[in-house]
C-alpha atoms as a PDB file:
ATOM      1  CA  UNK A   1     176.388  66.764 410.551  1.00  0.00           C
ATOM      2  CA  UNK A   2     172.896  68.660 411.148  1.00  0.00           C
ATOM      3  CA  UNK A   3     173.370  70.727 414.616  1.00  0.00           C
ATOM      4  CA  UNK A   4     170.163  69.498 416.522  1.00  0.00           C
ATOM      5  CA  UNK A   5     168.257  72.538 418.322  1.00  0.00           C
ATOM      6  CA  UNK A   6     168.023  71.473 421.860  1.00  0.00           C
ATOM      7  CA  UNK A   7     164.442  72.755 422.340  1.00  0.00           C
ATOM      8  CA  UNK A   8     163.590  70.545 419.277  1.00  0.00           C
ATOM      9  CA  UNK A   9     164.443  67.390 421.398  1.00  0.00           C
ATOM     10  CA  UNK A  10     162.570  68.955 424.363  1.00  0.00           C
ATOM     11  CA  UNK A  11     159.859  69.924 422.538  1.00  0.00           C
ATOM     12  CA  UNK A  12     159.954  66.058 420.501  1.00  0.00           C
ATOM     13  CA  UNK A  13     160.369  64.028 423.637  1.00  0.00           C
ATOM     14  CA  UNK A  14     157.347  65.545 425.485  1.00  0.00           C
ATOM     15  CA  UNK A  15     154.675  65.433 422.549  1.00  0.00           C
ATOM     16  CA  UNK A  16     155.988  62.144 422.080  1.00  0.00           C
ATOM     17  CA  UNK A  17     155.069  61.829 425.948  1.00  0.00           C
ATOM     18  CA  UNK A  18     152.486  63.362 425.788  1.00  0.00           C
ATOM     19  CA  UNK A  19     150.767  61.078 422.562  1.00  0.00           C
ATOM     20  CA  UNK A  20     151.164  58.201 425.280  1.00  0.00           C
ATOM     21  CA  UNK A  21     149.503  59.532 427.749  1.00  0.00           C
ATOM     22  CA  UNK A  22     146.715  59.817 425.297  1.00  0.00           C
ATOM     23  CA  UNK A  23     147.014  56.936 423.957  1.00  0.00           C
ATOM     24  CA  UNK A  24     146.785  54.729 427.357  1.00  0.00           C
ATOM     25  CA  UNK A  25     143.997  56.929 428.643  1.00  0.00           C
ATOM     26  CA  UNK A  26     140.714  56.060 429.908  1.00  0.00           C
ATOM     27  CA  UNK A  27     137.968  56.656 427.262  1.00  0.00           C
ATOM     28  CA  UNK A  28     135.081  55.959 426.496  1.00  0.00           C
ATOM     29  CA  UNK A  29     134.453  52.398 424.759  1.00  0.00           C
ATOM     30  CA  UNK A  30     133.259  54.281 421.415  1.00  0.00           C
ATOM     31  CA  UNK A  31     136.008  56.483 421.380  1.00  0.00           C
ATOM     32  CA  UNK A  32     138.590  54.433 422.166  1.00  0.00           C
ATOM     33  CA  UNK A  33     137.656  52.513 419.251  1.00  0.00           C
ATOM     34  CA  UNK A  34     138.125  55.124 416.940  1.00  0.00           C
ATOM     35  CA  UNK A  35     140.995  56.748 418.632  1.00  0.00           C
ATOM     36  CA  UNK A  36     143.807  57.341 415.882  1.00  0.00           C
ATOM     37  CA  UNK A  37     147.277  56.352 417.011  1.00  0.00           C
ATOM     38  CA  UNK A  38     148.246  59.538 418.735  1.00  0.00           C
ATOM     39  CA  UNK A  39     151.732  58.526 418.615  1.00  0.00           C
ATOM     40  CA  UNK A  40     152.339  57.792 415.347  1.00  0.00           C
ATOM     41  CA  UNK A  41     151.396  60.627 414.623  1.00  0.00           C
ATOM     42  CA  UNK A  42     153.364  62.597 416.844  1.00  0.00           C
ATOM     43  CA  UNK A  43     156.296  60.723 415.320  1.00  0.00           C
ATOM     44  CA  UNK A  44     155.599  61.340 411.949  1.00  0.00           C
ATOM     45  CA  UNK A  45     154.773  65.200 412.158  1.00  0.00           C
ATOM     46  CA  UNK A  46     158.546  65.324 413.588  1.00  0.00           C
ATOM     47  CA  UNK A  47     160.037  62.867 410.719  1.00  0.00           C
ATOM     48  CA  UNK A  48     158.424  65.647 408.757  1.00  0.00           C
ATOM     49  CA  UNK A  49     159.506  68.824 410.074  1.00  0.00           C
ATOM     50  CA  UNK A  50     162.647  67.772 411.771  1.00  0.00           C
ATOM     51  CA  UNK A  51     163.982  64.282 409.606  1.00  0.00           C
ATOM     52  CA  UNK A  52     167.186  64.910 411.934  1.00  0.00           C
ATOM     53  CA  UNK A  53     165.401  64.136 414.780  1.00  0.00           C
ATOM     54  CA  UNK A  54     162.882  61.962 414.394  1.00  0.00           C
ATOM     55  CA  UNK A  55     165.168  58.913 413.327  1.00  0.00           C
ATOM     56  CA  UNK A  56     164.252  54.967 412.788  1.00  0.00           C
ATOM     57  CA  UNK A  57     165.781  54.046 415.580  1.00  0.00           C
ATOM     58  CA  UNK A  58     163.437  56.432 417.981  1.00  0.00           C
ATOM     59  CA  UNK A  59     160.740  55.447 416.198  1.00  0.00           C
ATOM     60  CA  UNK A  60     161.348  51.526 417.155  1.00  0.00           C
ATOM     61  CA  UNK A  61     162.348  52.498 421.021  1.00  0.00           C
ATOM     62  CA  UNK A  62     158.602  54.401 421.080  1.00  0.00           C
ATOM     63  CA  UNK A  63     157.379  51.671 419.056  1.00  0.00           C
ATOM     64  CA  UNK A  64     159.036  49.272 422.062  1.00  0.00           C
ATOM     65  CA  UNK A  65     156.941  51.494 425.016  1.00  0.00           C
ATOM     66  CA  UNK A  66     153.888  51.411 422.691  1.00  0.00           C
ATOM     67  CA  UNK A  67     154.032  47.716 422.743  1.00  0.00           C
ATOM     68  CA  UNK A  68     154.934  47.713 427.121  1.00  0.00           C
ATOM     69  CA  UNK A  69     152.137  50.354 427.466  1.00  0.00           C
ATOM     70  CA  UNK A  70     149.338  49.151 426.190  1.00  0.00           C
ATOM     71  CA  UNK A  71     150.098  44.727 426.535  1.00  0.00           C
ATOM     72  CA  UNK A  72     150.963  44.069 422.895  1.00  0.00           C
ATOM     73  CA  UNK A  73     152.729  41.665 421.119  1.00  0.00           C
ATOM     74  CA  UNK A  74     156.785  42.728 421.688  1.00  0.00           C
ATOM     75  CA  UNK A  75     157.800  44.384 418.559  1.00  0.00           C
ATOM     76  CA  UNK A  76     154.736  44.934 416.909  1.00  0.00           C
ATOM     77  CA  UNK A  77     154.005  48.586 416.907  1.00  0.00           C
ATOM     78  CA  UNK A  78     158.248  48.887 417.106  1.00  0.00           C
ATOM     79  CA  UNK A  79     157.729  47.625 413.545  1.00  0.00           C
ATOM     80  CA  UNK A  80     154.899  49.822 412.147  1.00  0.00           C
ATOM     81  CA  UNK A  81     156.397  53.079 413.871  1.00  0.00           C
ATOM     82  CA  UNK A  82     159.519  51.812 412.304  1.00  0.00           C
ATOM     83  CA  UNK A  83     158.096  51.753 409.366  1.00  0.00           C
ATOM     84  CA  UNK A  84     156.347  54.246 408.840  1.00  0.00           C
ATOM     85  CA  UNK A  85     158.962  56.802 409.859  1.00  0.00           C
ATOM     86  CA  UNK A  86     161.578  55.673 407.287  1.00  0.00           C
ATOM     87  CA  UNK A  87     158.671  56.115 404.914  1.00  0.00           C
ATOM     88  CA  UNK A  88     157.880  59.551 406.330  1.00  0.00           C
ATOM     89  CA  UNK A  89     161.476  60.904 406.541  1.00  0.00           C
ATOM     90  CA  UNK A  90     162.738  58.892 403.149  1.00  0.00           C
ATOM     91  CA  UNK A  91     159.230  61.209 401.082  1.00  0.00           C
ATOM     92  CA  UNK A  92     159.831  63.928 403.674  1.00  0.00           C
ATOM     93  CA  UNK A  93     160.365  67.015 401.346  1.00  0.00           C
ATOM     94  CA  UNK A  94     157.773  65.730 399.117  1.00  0.00           C
ATOM     95  CA  UNK A  95     155.257  65.278 401.802  1.00  0.00           C
ATOM     96  CA  UNK A  96     155.684  68.496 404.057  1.00  0.00           C
ATOM     97  CA  UNK A  97     155.614  70.527 400.409  1.00  0.00           C
ATOM     98  CA  UNK A  98     151.801  69.855 400.069  1.00  0.00           C
ATOM     99  CA  UNK A  99     148.757  71.416 401.708  1.00  0.00           C
ATOM    100  CA  UNK A 100     147.822  69.837 404.824  1.00  0.00           C
ATOM    101  CA  UNK A 101     144.679  68.495 403.080  1.00  0.00           C
ATOM    102  CA  UNK A 102     146.981  66.886 400.986  1.00  0.00           C
ATOM    103  CA  UNK A 103     149.191  65.703 403.511  1.00  0.00           C
ATOM    104  CA  UNK A 104     146.439  63.863 404.960  1.00  0.00           C
ATOM    105  CA  UNK A 105     145.925  61.756 401.986  1.00  0.00           C
ATOM    106  CA  UNK A 106     149.650  60.839 402.414  1.00  0.00           C
ATOM    107  CA  UNK A 107     149.375  60.122 406.278  1.00  0.00           C
ATOM    108  CA  UNK A 108     146.249  58.014 405.455  1.00  0.00           C
ATOM    109  CA  UNK A 109     148.838  55.401 403.398  1.00  0.00           C
ATOM    110  CA  UNK A 110     151.572  55.979 405.744  1.00  0.00           C
ATOM    111  CA  UNK A 111     148.817  54.904 408.374  1.00  0.00           C
ATOM    112  CA  UNK A 112     147.441  52.167 406.570  1.00  0.00           C
ATOM    113  CA  UNK A 113     150.900  50.690 406.086  1.00  0.00           C
ATOM    114  CA  UNK A 114     151.419  50.690 409.474  1.00  0.00           C
ATOM    115  CA  UNK A 115     148.151  49.352 410.413  1.00  0.00           C
ATOM    116  CA  UNK A 116     148.742  46.513 407.764  1.00  0.00           C
ATOM    117  CA  UNK A 117     151.563  45.586 409.394  1.00  0.00           C
ATOM    118  CA  UNK A 118     149.321  45.389 412.616  1.00  0.00           C
ATOM    119  CA  UNK A 119     146.986  43.322 411.706  1.00  0.00           C
ATOM    120  CA  UNK A 120     150.161  41.357 410.137  1.00  0.00           C
ATOM    121  CA  UNK A 121     151.616  40.647 413.356  1.00  0.00           C
ATOM    122  CA  UNK A 122     148.000  40.018 415.080  1.00  0.00           C
ATOM    123  CA  UNK A 123     147.085  37.738 412.106  1.00  0.00           C
ATOM    124  CA  UNK A 124     150.463  35.120 412.831  1.00  0.00           C
ATOM    125  CA  UNK A 125     148.888  34.759 416.723  1.00  0.00           C
ATOM    126  CA  UNK A 126     145.558  33.764 415.211  1.00  0.00           C
ATOM    127  CA  UNK A 127     143.367  36.751 416.684  1.00  0.00           C
ATOM    128  CA  UNK A 128     140.572  37.582 414.863  1.00  0.00           C
ATOM    129  CA  UNK A 129     140.384  41.720 413.626  1.00  0.00           C
ATOM    130  CA  UNK A 130     137.162  42.751 413.940  1.00  0.00           C
ATOM    131  CA  UNK A 131     135.517  45.180 411.622  1.00  0.00           C
ATOM    132  CA  UNK A 132     136.456  48.646 413.380  1.00  0.00           C
ATOM    133  CA  UNK A 133     140.192  47.636 413.052  1.00  0.00           C
ATOM    134  CA  UNK A 134     140.636  49.703 410.525  1.00  0.00           C
ATOM    135  CA  UNK A 135     139.409  53.138 411.850  1.00  0.00           C
ATOM    136  CA  UNK A 136     142.042  55.094 413.374  1.00  0.00           C
ATOM    137  CA  UNK A 137     143.672  55.108 409.880  1.00  0.00           C
ATOM    138  CA  UNK A 138     140.557  57.136 408.702  1.00  0.00           C
ATOM    139  CA  UNK A 139     140.263  59.265 412.028  1.00  0.00           C
ATOM    140  CA  UNK A 140     143.833  59.638 411.886  1.00  0.00           C
ATOM    141  CA  UNK A 141     144.419  61.204 408.948  1.00  0.00           C
ATOM    142  CA  UNK A 142     141.241  63.498 409.779  1.00  0.00           C
ATOM    143  CA  UNK A 143     141.968  64.485 413.028  1.00  0.00           C
ATOM    144  CA  UNK A 144     146.178  65.050 410.995  1.00  0.00           C
ATOM    145  CA  UNK A 145     145.707  69.142 410.071  1.00  0.00           C
ATOM    146  CA  UNK A 146     144.673  69.823 414.022  1.00  0.00           C
ATOM    147  CA  UNK A 147     147.567  67.800 415.036  1.00  0.00           C
ATOM    148  CA  UNK A 148     149.955  69.194 412.538  1.00  0.00           C
ATOM    149  CA  UNK A 149     148.663  72.876 413.870  1.00  0.00           C
ATOM    150  CA  UNK A 150     149.356  72.115 417.723  1.00  0.00           C
ATOM    151  CA  UNK A 151     152.643  70.450 417.358  1.00  0.00           C
ATOM    152  CA  UNK A 152     154.020  73.186 414.912  1.00  0.00           C
ATOM    153  CA  UNK A 153     153.399  75.770 417.769  1.00  0.00           C
ATOM    154  CA  UNK A 154     155.353  73.813 420.004  1.00  0.00           C
ATOM    155  CA  UNK A 155     158.159  73.285 417.876  1.00  0.00           C
ATOM    156  CA  UNK A 156     160.519  75.855 417.008  1.00  0.00           C
ATOM    157  CA  UNK A 157     162.690  77.323 414.581  1.00  0.00           C
END
């Protein structure tokens, strides 16, 4: 069994809380429309760096919290986050060996799959999706190098 560093667990939960705060912060309407999903980017980082700490169950619980914080259908983000972290955990050895720019392409694919799941659950409710619904996937992939660098500074090895 892998021994989890307590400082890494603290860094994990602190970064997730900060990402949730960024998620619900009152941004301008334009930035809210294109803002990346900070929570899933944070979860992906930890799933790539410490897959033992960032589990699918934790991603599910964080997703439920995001559902409650944002007032979305309960389980919508939980499903998307859990599936994304499952993919990251299965491919973490491969993805983390890519250069950061190439990681951005892998992150784009993972974010796209998560957004498809969110689209699917919202389509069940017969909600119409605006054209900018897919922009957070692109912005998330573009800010991935910044997220990676910032979170690597707080990751204790």
